[in-house]
N, C-alpha and C. Protein backbone atom coordinates (compact mmCIF):
# COMPACT_ATOMS: atom_id res chain seq x y z
N UNK A 1 -33.75 -37.27 -19.33
CA UNK A 1 -33.47 -36.80 -18.11
C UNK A 1 -34.64 -35.74 -18.12
N UNK A 2 -35.43 -35.31 -17.15
CA UNK A 2 -36.46 -34.29 -17.12
C UNK A 2 -36.16 -33.45 -15.85
N UNK A 3 -35.80 -32.12 -16.35
CA UNK A 3 -35.41 -31.10 -15.32
C UNK A 3 -36.47 -30.25 -15.15
N UNK A 4 -36.80 -30.26 -13.62
CA UNK A 4 -38.20 -29.29 -13.61
C UNK A 4 -37.62 -28.01 -13.21
N UNK A 5 -38.50 -27.15 -12.68
CA UNK A 5 -38.10 -25.76 -12.47
C UNK A 5 -37.42 -25.48 -10.82
N UNK A 6 -38.43 -26.46 -9.87
CA UNK A 6 -37.24 -26.66 -8.77
C UNK A 6 -36.20 -26.92 -8.85
N UNK A 7 -35.67 -27.92 -9.81
CA UNK A 7 -34.43 -28.50 -9.83
C UNK A 7 -33.66 -27.01 -10.25
N UNK A 8 -33.82 -26.44 -11.09
CA UNK A 8 -33.05 -25.32 -11.76
C UNK A 8 -33.07 -24.43 -10.59
N UNK A 9 -34.21 -24.03 -9.87
CA UNK A 9 -34.04 -22.70 -8.63
C UNK A 9 -33.16 -23.39 -7.45
N UNK A 10 -33.11 -24.56 -7.55
CA UNK A 10 -32.15 -25.32 -6.15
C UNK A 10 -30.88 -25.16 -6.74
N UNK A 11 -30.59 -25.50 -7.97
CA UNK A 11 -29.26 -25.59 -8.76
C UNK A 11 -28.85 -23.82 -8.39
N UNK A 12 -29.75 -23.05 -8.82
CA UNK A 12 -29.05 -21.73 -8.77
C UNK A 12 -28.68 -21.12 -7.51
N UNK A 13 -29.82 -21.56 -6.27
CA UNK A 13 -29.63 -21.22 -5.14
C UNK A 13 -27.90 -21.64 -4.64
N UNK A 14 -27.61 -22.84 -4.87
CA UNK A 14 -26.61 -23.77 -4.66
C UNK A 14 -25.29 -22.44 -5.18
N UNK A 15 -25.43 -22.39 -6.26
CA UNK A 15 -24.43 -21.75 -6.93
C UNK A 15 -24.30 -20.25 -6.07
N UNK A 16 -25.40 -19.85 -6.13
CA UNK A 16 -25.53 -18.39 -5.22
C UNK A 16 -24.54 -18.21 -3.72
N UNK A 17 -24.79 -19.65 -3.29
CA UNK A 17 -24.36 -20.08 -1.90
C UNK A 17 -22.54 -20.18 -1.92
N UNK A 18 -22.44 -20.99 -2.90
CA UNK A 18 -20.93 -21.06 -3.24
C UNK A 18 -20.10 -20.14 -3.68
N UNK A 19 -20.67 -19.19 -4.62
CA UNK A 19 -19.91 -18.09 -4.69
C UNK A 19 -19.95 -17.16 -3.83
N UNK A 20 -21.14 -16.83 -2.81
CA UNK A 20 -21.29 -15.87 -1.45
C UNK A 20 -19.70 -16.39 -0.51
N UNK A 21 -19.65 -17.87 -0.55
CA UNK A 21 -18.53 -18.29 0.36
C UNK A 21 -17.37 -17.50 -0.46
N UNK A 22 -17.02 -18.02 -1.68
CA UNK A 22 -15.86 -17.38 -2.11
C UNK A 22 -15.78 -15.84 -2.12
N UNK A 23 -17.08 -15.16 -2.44
CA UNK A 23 -16.79 -13.63 -2.49
C UNK A 23 -16.52 -13.05 -0.89
N UNK A 24 -16.75 -13.94 0.31
CA UNK A 24 -16.53 -13.74 1.33
C UNK A 24 -15.18 -14.10 1.86
N UNK A 25 -14.85 -15.13 1.35
CA UNK A 25 -13.11 -15.20 1.78
C UNK A 25 -12.35 -14.50 0.69
N UNK A 26 -12.43 -14.17 -0.37
CA UNK A 26 -11.73 -13.07 -0.98
C UNK A 26 -11.54 -12.00 -0.45
N UNK A 27 -12.85 -11.52 -0.04
CA UNK A 27 -12.97 -9.90 0.61
C UNK A 27 -12.13 -10.07 1.93
N UNK A 28 -12.24 -11.03 2.66
CA UNK A 28 -10.90 -11.14 3.76
C UNK A 28 -9.73 -10.90 3.41
N UNK A 29 -9.17 -11.97 2.32
CA UNK A 29 -7.98 -12.14 1.98
C UNK A 29 -7.61 -10.59 1.50
N UNK A 30 -8.36 -9.80 0.77
CA UNK A 30 -8.15 -8.56 0.46
C UNK A 30 -7.99 -7.32 1.32
N UNK A 31 -9.00 -7.83 2.54
CA UNK A 31 -8.71 -7.00 3.60
C UNK A 31 -7.32 -7.00 4.42
N UNK A 32 -7.12 -8.28 4.66
CA UNK A 32 -5.77 -8.51 5.16
C UNK A 32 -4.30 -8.08 4.40
N UNK A 33 -4.59 -8.29 3.04
CA UNK A 33 -3.88 -7.80 2.15
C UNK A 33 -3.27 -6.27 2.36
N UNK A 34 -4.60 -5.70 2.06
CA UNK A 34 -4.62 -3.97 2.41
C UNK A 34 -3.94 -3.46 3.78
N UNK A 35 -4.22 -4.15 4.97
CA UNK A 35 -3.85 -3.83 5.88
C UNK A 35 -2.41 -4.13 6.10
N UNK A 36 -2.22 -4.96 5.62
CA UNK A 36 -0.45 -5.11 5.76
C UNK A 36 0.38 -4.13 4.69
N UNK A 37 -0.57 -3.70 3.52
CA UNK A 37 0.22 -2.90 3.01
C UNK A 37 0.39 -1.30 3.62
N UNK A 38 -0.61 -0.78 4.16
CA UNK A 38 -0.90 -0.09 5.25
C UNK A 38 0.43 0.09 6.13
N UNK A 39 0.38 -1.06 6.82
CA UNK A 39 1.29 -1.00 8.12
C UNK A 39 3.01 -0.83 7.35
N UNK A 40 3.06 -1.48 6.04
CA UNK A 40 4.42 -1.60 5.64
C UNK A 40 4.58 -0.16 5.29
N UNK A 41 3.74 0.56 4.59
CA UNK A 41 3.68 2.18 4.18
C UNK A 41 4.09 2.91 5.42
N UNK A 42 3.44 2.49 6.75
CA UNK A 42 3.69 3.28 7.57
C UNK A 42 5.21 3.08 8.31
N UNK A 43 5.64 1.95 8.17
CA UNK A 43 7.27 1.23 8.81
C UNK A 43 7.78 2.49 7.88
N UNK A 44 7.70 2.48 6.59
CA UNK A 44 8.64 2.65 5.34
C UNK A 44 8.58 4.34 5.72
N UNK A 45 7.37 4.88 5.87
CA UNK A 45 7.59 6.42 6.56
C UNK A 45 8.45 6.74 7.32
N UNK A 46 8.17 6.03 8.60
CA UNK A 46 9.11 5.96 9.79
C UNK A 46 10.47 5.85 9.45
N UNK A 47 10.82 4.76 8.62
CA UNK A 47 12.46 4.80 8.36
C UNK A 47 12.58 6.01 7.33
N UNK A 48 12.11 6.49 6.57
CA UNK A 48 12.42 7.57 5.45
C UNK A 48 12.97 9.04 6.63
N UNK A 49 11.77 9.12 7.44
CA UNK A 49 12.02 10.26 8.44
C UNK A 49 13.19 9.91 9.42
N UNK A 50 13.19 8.69 10.07
CA UNK A 50 14.89 8.74 10.80
C UNK A 50 15.93 8.69 9.60
N UNK A 51 15.68 8.46 8.62
CA UNK A 51 17.09 8.48 7.70
C UNK A 51 17.22 9.86 7.65
N UNK A 52 16.09 10.75 7.36
CA UNK A 52 16.33 12.30 7.07
C UNK A 52 17.06 12.74 8.27
N UNK A 53 16.68 12.50 9.51
CA UNK A 53 16.70 12.85 10.65
C UNK A 53 18.31 12.72 10.54
N UNK A 54 18.83 11.42 10.52
CA UNK A 54 20.16 10.87 11.01
C UNK A 54 21.02 11.93 9.78
N UNK A 55 20.64 11.94 8.61
CA UNK A 55 21.58 12.73 7.97
C UNK A 55 21.59 14.29 8.38
N UNK A 56 20.34 14.93 8.85
CA UNK A 56 20.37 16.27 9.17
C UNK A 56 21.42 16.59 10.08
N UNK A 57 21.44 15.58 11.19
CA UNK A 57 22.22 15.37 12.44
C UNK A 57 23.79 15.49 11.84
N UNK A 58 24.20 14.57 10.48
CA UNK A 58 25.38 14.55 10.24
C UNK A 58 25.60 15.50 9.56
N UNK A 59 24.72 16.63 8.99
CA UNK A 59 25.20 17.72 8.12
C UNK A 59 25.54 18.92 8.99
N UNK A 60 24.91 18.79 10.16
CA UNK A 60 25.11 19.82 11.48
C UNK A 60 26.35 19.84 11.95
N UNK A 61 27.25 19.01 11.85
CA UNK A 61 28.54 18.91 12.38
C UNK A 61 29.36 20.12 11.50
N UNK A 62 28.67 19.89 9.83
CA UNK A 62 29.73 20.83 9.30
C UNK A 62 29.04 22.29 8.73
N UNK A 63 27.57 22.30 8.99
CA UNK A 63 26.97 23.52 8.50
C UNK A 63 26.22 23.88 9.23
N UNK A 64 25.70 25.15 9.41
CA UNK A 64 24.67 25.60 10.34
C UNK A 64 23.49 24.85 10.24
N UNK A 65 22.48 25.29 11.08
CA UNK A 65 21.05 24.59 11.32
C UNK A 65 20.11 25.00 10.32
N UNK A 66 20.07 26.45 9.66
CA UNK A 66 19.24 26.63 8.54
C UNK A 66 19.81 25.94 7.19
N UNK A 67 21.20 25.88 6.90
CA UNK A 67 21.71 25.68 5.82
C UNK A 67 21.25 23.74 5.69
N UNK A 68 21.58 23.29 6.84
CA UNK A 68 21.40 21.82 7.38
C UNK A 68 19.88 21.41 6.60
N UNK A 69 18.90 22.37 7.24
CA UNK A 69 17.60 22.36 7.11
C UNK A 69 17.08 22.36 5.67
N UNK A 70 17.81 23.48 4.89
CA UNK A 70 17.96 23.57 3.54
C UNK A 70 18.08 22.42 2.69
N UNK A 71 19.06 21.92 3.00
CA UNK A 71 19.88 20.72 2.65
C UNK A 71 18.62 19.38 2.57
N UNK A 72 18.36 19.03 3.92
CA UNK A 72 17.36 18.15 3.99
C UNK A 72 16.17 18.22 3.27
N UNK A 73 15.61 19.37 3.38
CA UNK A 73 14.22 19.49 2.58
C UNK A 73 14.47 19.39 0.98
N UNK A 74 15.95 19.59 0.20
CA UNK A 74 15.81 19.48 -1.22
C UNK A 74 16.28 17.69 -1.07
N UNK A 75 16.77 17.12 -0.18
CA UNK A 75 16.71 15.66 0.03
C UNK A 75 15.69 15.07 -0.17
N UNK A 76 14.58 15.65 0.57
CA UNK A 76 13.05 14.97 0.75
C UNK A 76 12.39 15.20 -0.40
N UNK A 77 12.72 16.63 -1.50
CA UNK A 77 11.95 16.69 -2.23
C UNK A 77 12.36 15.57 -3.54
N UNK A 78 13.67 15.65 -3.27
CA UNK A 78 14.47 14.75 -4.68
C UNK A 78 13.61 13.18 -4.05
N UNK A 79 13.74 12.47 -3.11
CA UNK A 79 13.19 11.37 -2.60
C UNK A 79 11.70 11.34 -3.14
N UNK A 80 10.84 12.23 -2.98
CA UNK A 80 9.44 12.52 -3.48
C UNK A 80 9.33 12.22 -4.94
N UNK A 81 10.31 13.21 -5.36
CA UNK A 81 10.02 13.17 -6.92
C UNK A 81 10.74 11.72 -7.81
N UNK A 82 11.59 11.24 -7.03
CA UNK A 82 12.10 9.81 -7.48
C UNK A 82 10.92 8.77 -6.90
N UNK A 83 10.24 8.63 -6.08
CA UNK A 83 9.21 7.63 -5.83
C UNK A 83 8.15 8.19 -6.98
N UNK A 84 7.96 9.63 -7.31
CA UNK A 84 7.12 9.92 -8.01
C UNK A 84 7.13 8.95 -9.66
N UNK A 85 8.25 9.08 -9.65
CA UNK A 85 8.73 8.84 -11.21
C UNK A 85 8.57 7.44 -11.13
N UNK A 86 9.19 6.79 -10.21
CA UNK A 86 9.04 5.02 -10.03
C UNK A 86 7.42 4.64 -10.16
N UNK A 87 6.84 5.06 -9.33
CA UNK A 87 4.98 4.88 -9.40
C UNK A 87 4.57 5.25 -10.80
N UNK A 88 5.14 6.35 -11.51
CA UNK A 88 4.31 6.80 -12.77
C UNK A 88 4.93 5.59 -13.90
N UNK A 89 6.58 5.14 -13.40
CA UNK A 89 7.02 4.25 -14.60
C UNK A 89 5.94 2.91 -14.47
N UNK A 90 5.64 2.46 -13.22
CA UNK A 90 5.02 1.51 -12.88
C UNK A 90 3.59 1.18 -13.23
N UNK A 91 2.90 2.23 -13.40
CA UNK A 91 1.54 2.29 -13.87
C UNK A 91 1.38 2.50 -15.28
N UNK A 92 2.50 2.51 -15.99
CA UNK A 92 2.40 2.70 -17.33
C UNK A 92 1.52 1.45 -18.23
């Protein structure tokens, strides 16, 4: 079987075309996945904010507003440090 240069060029461009379609498809999938992660993060931030607000309202029953705000800031700092610890543990 005799292969000419034109056959090699045609095969090369067929490969480039197929890889380009795959790249486009994977890029779209990554974009959709990334947008879903961003939306999930925003919903998670809102959930944490409502949780902290609810605990603040609960603490206000027993303590003055400045003390309740101080306790809430400590709780938020603890949650942030715990999240940082989990992220560091997962990325080892």
